[in-house]
């Protein structure tokens, strides 16, 4: 089974609209179509950005907490020790890539594929939510 890391922009997109591929992808977490890798820093980033954008998503703080609780229950929780940094342009992207490498994920699902240039050297593929859903036969 493929293991993925979901970039924060995909997570936030899923919260903003129930019509897109991001929402569909997030809705499939825990269905055995794929596994997701999580780390404490990534979940904290999801929470921070989601709660900052509550008015846009139409959700309240407890809704966000419930979604994050479910992801933590369903996800492959990894400890990241930050012994190295991949050195992407954005340190938050480094955090995502480092989690993908440590968890032996096959994919990073993101809308900013150009920001992860070079991740293929780690054997990690990039896809938008729509591309990944198509790859697993759900798109």
C-alpha atoms as a PDB file:
ATOM      1  CA  UNK A   1       0.000   0.000   0.000  1.00  0.00           C
ATOM      2  CA  UNK A   2       1.235   3.484  -0.810  1.00  0.00           C
ATOM      3  CA  UNK A   3       2.129   5.787   2.039  1.00  0.00           C
ATOM      4  CA  UNK A   4       1.730   9.526   1.605  1.00  0.00           C
ATOM      5  CA  UNK A   5       2.447  12.768   3.371  1.00  0.00           C
ATOM      6  CA  UNK A   6      -0.261  15.371   2.832  1.00  0.00           C
ATOM      7  CA  UNK A   7       1.111  18.893   2.550  1.00  0.00           C
ATOM      8  CA  UNK A   8      -0.628  21.585   4.570  1.00  0.00           C
ATOM      9  CA  UNK A   9      -1.992  23.302   1.459  1.00  0.00           C
ATOM     10  CA  UNK A  10      -3.917  20.131   0.557  1.00  0.00           C
ATOM     11  CA  UNK A  11      -5.249  19.756   4.106  1.00  0.00           C
ATOM     12  CA  UNK A  12      -6.502  23.361   4.126  1.00  0.00           C
ATOM     13  CA  UNK A  13      -8.010  22.994   0.657  1.00  0.00           C
ATOM     14  CA  UNK A  14      -9.987  19.974   1.908  1.00  0.00           C
ATOM     15  CA  UNK A  15     -11.380  22.045   4.768  1.00  0.00           C
ATOM     16  CA  UNK A  16     -12.400  24.902   2.485  1.00  0.00           C
ATOM     17  CA  UNK A  17     -14.478  22.898   0.006  1.00  0.00           C
ATOM     18  CA  UNK A  18     -16.240  19.554  -0.060  1.00  0.00           C
ATOM     19  CA  UNK A  19     -16.199  19.520  -3.862  1.00  0.00           C
ATOM     20  CA  UNK A  20     -12.547  19.037  -4.738  1.00  0.00           C
ATOM     21  CA  UNK A  21      -9.974  16.284  -4.895  1.00  0.00           C
ATOM     22  CA  UNK A  22      -8.401  17.444  -1.620  1.00  0.00           C
ATOM     23  CA  UNK A  23     -11.620  16.793   0.309  1.00  0.00           C
ATOM     24  CA  UNK A  24     -12.025  13.444  -1.406  1.00  0.00           C
ATOM     25  CA  UNK A  25      -8.454  12.483  -0.521  1.00  0.00           C
ATOM     26  CA  UNK A  26      -8.867  13.519   3.114  1.00  0.00           C
ATOM     27  CA  UNK A  27     -12.180  11.646   3.256  1.00  0.00           C
ATOM     28  CA  UNK A  28     -10.396   8.463   2.185  1.00  0.00           C
ATOM     29  CA  UNK A  29      -7.934   8.501   5.102  1.00  0.00           C
ATOM     30  CA  UNK A  30      -8.407   5.253   7.003  1.00  0.00           C
ATOM     31  CA  UNK A  31     -10.049   3.376   4.113  1.00  0.00           C
ATOM     32  CA  UNK A  32      -7.015   1.224   3.317  1.00  0.00           C
ATOM     33  CA  UNK A  33      -6.535   2.881  -0.090  1.00  0.00           C
ATOM     34  CA  UNK A  34      -3.320   4.449   1.254  1.00  0.00           C
ATOM     35  CA  UNK A  35      -1.600   5.218   4.536  1.00  0.00           C
ATOM     36  CA  UNK A  36      -0.681   8.692   5.744  1.00  0.00           C
ATOM     37  CA  UNK A  37       2.409   9.600   7.716  1.00  0.00           C
ATOM     38  CA  UNK A  38       2.185  12.247  10.411  1.00  0.00           C
ATOM     39  CA  UNK A  39       4.557  13.967  12.787  1.00  0.00           C
ATOM     40  CA  UNK A  40       3.843  16.264  15.707  1.00  0.00           C
ATOM     41  CA  UNK A  41       5.225  19.327  13.872  1.00  0.00           C
ATOM     42  CA  UNK A  42       3.056  18.625  10.808  1.00  0.00           C
ATOM     43  CA  UNK A  43      -0.116  18.143  12.864  1.00  0.00           C
ATOM     44  CA  UNK A  44       0.660  21.354  14.761  1.00  0.00           C
ATOM     45  CA  UNK A  45       1.060  23.163  11.443  1.00  0.00           C
ATOM     46  CA  UNK A  46      -2.245  21.743  10.177  1.00  0.00           C
ATOM     47  CA  UNK A  47      -3.884  22.966  13.395  1.00  0.00           C
ATOM     48  CA  UNK A  48      -2.292  26.410  13.340  1.00  0.00           C
ATOM     49  CA  UNK A  49      -3.220  27.175   9.734  1.00  0.00           C
ATOM     50  CA  UNK A  50      -6.697  25.627   9.980  1.00  0.00           C
ATOM     51  CA  UNK A  51      -7.614  27.544  13.113  1.00  0.00           C
ATOM     52  CA  UNK A  52      -6.277  30.769  11.611  1.00  0.00           C
ATOM     53  CA  UNK A  53      -8.634  30.252   8.658  1.00  0.00           C
ATOM     54  CA  UNK A  54     -11.761  29.181  10.568  1.00  0.00           C
ATOM     55  CA  UNK A  55     -14.008  31.782   8.930  1.00  0.00           C
ATOM     56  CA  UNK A  56     -13.009  30.658   5.440  1.00  0.00           C
ATOM     57  CA  UNK A  57     -13.619  26.967   6.134  1.00  0.00           C
ATOM     58  CA  UNK A  58     -16.952  27.389   7.920  1.00  0.00           C
ATOM     59  CA  UNK A  59     -15.723  25.046  10.650  1.00  0.00           C
ATOM     60  CA  UNK A  60     -15.216  25.829  14.312  1.00  0.00           C
ATOM     61  CA  UNK A  61     -12.269  25.024  16.521  1.00  0.00           C
ATOM     62  CA  UNK A  62     -13.790  21.794  17.843  1.00  0.00           C
ATOM     63  CA  UNK A  63     -14.425  20.595  14.260  1.00  0.00           C
ATOM     64  CA  UNK A  64     -10.740  21.094  13.489  1.00  0.00           C
ATOM     65  CA  UNK A  65      -9.793  19.245  16.682  1.00  0.00           C
ATOM     66  CA  UNK A  66     -12.051  16.326  15.708  1.00  0.00           C
ATOM     67  CA  UNK A  67     -10.549  16.096  12.214  1.00  0.00           C
ATOM     68  CA  UNK A  68      -7.016  16.207  13.597  1.00  0.00           C
ATOM     69  CA  UNK A  69      -7.876  13.612  16.243  1.00  0.00           C
ATOM     70  CA  UNK A  70      -9.123  11.291  13.511  1.00  0.00           C
ATOM     71  CA  UNK A  71      -6.006  11.817  11.398  1.00  0.00           C
ATOM     72  CA  UNK A  72      -3.839  11.056  14.414  1.00  0.00           C
ATOM     73  CA  UNK A  73      -5.845   7.914  15.076  1.00  0.00           C
ATOM     74  CA  UNK A  74      -5.661   6.713  11.454  1.00  0.00           C
ATOM     75  CA  UNK A  75      -2.161   7.923  10.556  1.00  0.00           C
ATOM     76  CA  UNK A  76       1.294   6.428  10.904  1.00  0.00           C
ATOM     77  CA  UNK A  77       2.780   8.612  13.613  1.00  0.00           C
ATOM     78  CA  UNK A  78       6.506   9.177  13.246  1.00  0.00           C
ATOM     79  CA  UNK A  79       9.136  10.755  15.466  1.00  0.00           C
ATOM     80  CA  UNK A  80      11.364  13.167  13.617  1.00  0.00           C
ATOM     81  CA  UNK A  81      14.719  13.977  15.151  1.00  0.00           C
ATOM     82  CA  UNK A  82      15.875  16.642  12.679  1.00  0.00           C
ATOM     83  CA  UNK A  83      19.374  15.288  12.350  1.00  0.00           C
ATOM     84  CA  UNK A  84      19.485  16.593   8.797  1.00  0.00           C
ATOM     85  CA  UNK A  85      17.558  19.047   6.679  1.00  0.00           C
ATOM     86  CA  UNK A  86      16.829  18.464   3.002  1.00  0.00           C
ATOM     87  CA  UNK A  87      17.338  22.208   2.393  1.00  0.00           C
ATOM     88  CA  UNK A  88      14.339  23.066   0.281  1.00  0.00           C
ATOM     89  CA  UNK A  89      13.535  26.743  -0.139  1.00  0.00           C
ATOM     90  CA  UNK A  90      10.901  26.695   2.621  1.00  0.00           C
ATOM     91  CA  UNK A  91      11.790  25.112   5.999  1.00  0.00           C
ATOM     92  CA  UNK A  92       8.163  23.971   6.361  1.00  0.00           C
ATOM     93  CA  UNK A  93       8.569  22.043   3.105  1.00  0.00           C
ATOM     94  CA  UNK A  94      11.744  20.544   4.582  1.00  0.00           C
ATOM     95  CA  UNK A  95       9.609  19.296   7.473  1.00  0.00           C
ATOM     96  CA  UNK A  96       7.222  17.568   5.039  1.00  0.00           C
ATOM     97  CA  UNK A  97      10.025  16.028   2.982  1.00  0.00           C
ATOM     98  CA  UNK A  98      11.907  14.884   6.060  1.00  0.00           C
ATOM     99  CA  UNK A  99       8.754  13.142   7.316  1.00  0.00           C
ATOM    100  CA  UNK A 100       8.301  11.502   3.915  1.00  0.00           C
ATOM    101  CA  UNK A 101      11.884  10.206   3.948  1.00  0.00           C
ATOM    102  CA  UNK A 102      11.795   9.002   7.563  1.00  0.00           C
ATOM    103  CA  UNK A 103       8.426   7.249   7.123  1.00  0.00           C
ATOM    104  CA  UNK A 104       9.476   5.720   3.792  1.00  0.00           C
ATOM    105  CA  UNK A 105       6.490   7.343   2.114  1.00  0.00           C
ATOM    106  CA  UNK A 106       6.088   6.907  -1.614  1.00  0.00           C
ATOM    107  CA  UNK A 107       4.398  10.246  -2.216  1.00  0.00           C
ATOM    108  CA  UNK A 108       4.111  13.838  -1.112  1.00  0.00           C
ATOM    109  CA  UNK A 109       0.682  15.132  -2.087  1.00  0.00           C
ATOM    110  CA  UNK A 110       0.882  18.887  -2.629  1.00  0.00           C
ATOM    111  CA  UNK A 111      -0.243  21.719  -4.855  1.00  0.00           C
ATOM    112  CA  UNK A 112       3.301  23.139  -4.795  1.00  0.00           C
ATOM    113  CA  UNK A 113       5.231  20.442  -6.616  1.00  0.00           C
ATOM    114  CA  UNK A 114       7.925  22.876  -7.745  1.00  0.00           C
ATOM    115  CA  UNK A 115       8.727  23.635  -4.100  1.00  0.00           C
ATOM    116  CA  UNK A 116       9.739  19.991  -3.612  1.00  0.00           C
ATOM    117  CA  UNK A 117      12.127  19.834  -6.543  1.00  0.00           C
ATOM    118  CA  UNK A 118      14.766  17.212  -5.798  1.00  0.00           C
ATOM    119  CA  UNK A 119      12.642  14.929  -3.641  1.00  0.00           C
ATOM    120  CA  UNK A 120      12.877  12.260  -6.329  1.00  0.00           C
ATOM    121  CA  UNK A 121      16.475  11.730  -5.218  1.00  0.00           C
ATOM    122  CA  UNK A 122      14.935  10.237  -2.074  1.00  0.00           C
ATOM    123  CA  UNK A 123      12.624   7.985  -4.109  1.00  0.00           C
ATOM    124  CA  UNK A 124       9.580  10.115  -3.355  1.00  0.00           C
ATOM    125  CA  UNK A 125       7.067  11.033  -6.028  1.00  0.00           C
ATOM    126  CA  UNK A 126       5.025  14.225  -6.132  1.00  0.00           C
ATOM    127  CA  UNK A 127       1.369  14.515  -7.009  1.00  0.00           C
ATOM    128  CA  UNK A 128      -1.520  16.883  -6.667  1.00  0.00           C
ATOM    129  CA  UNK A 129      -4.558  15.382  -4.917  1.00  0.00           C
ATOM    130  CA  UNK A 130      -6.243  14.809  -8.282  1.00  0.00           C
ATOM    131  CA  UNK A 131      -3.154  13.106  -9.716  1.00  0.00           C
ATOM    132  CA  UNK A 132      -2.772  10.857  -6.676  1.00  0.00           C
ATOM    133  CA  UNK A 133      -6.463   9.865  -6.726  1.00  0.00           C
ATOM    134  CA  UNK A 134      -6.077   8.993 -10.393  1.00  0.00           C
ATOM    135  CA  UNK A 135      -2.970   6.918  -9.596  1.00  0.00           C
ATOM    136  CA  UNK A 136      -4.847   4.830  -7.000  1.00  0.00           C
ATOM    137  CA  UNK A 137      -7.819   4.390  -9.333  1.00  0.00           C
ATOM    138  CA  UNK A 138     -10.123   6.821  -7.568  1.00  0.00           C
ATOM    139  CA  UNK A 139      -9.905   9.765  -9.926  1.00  0.00           C
END
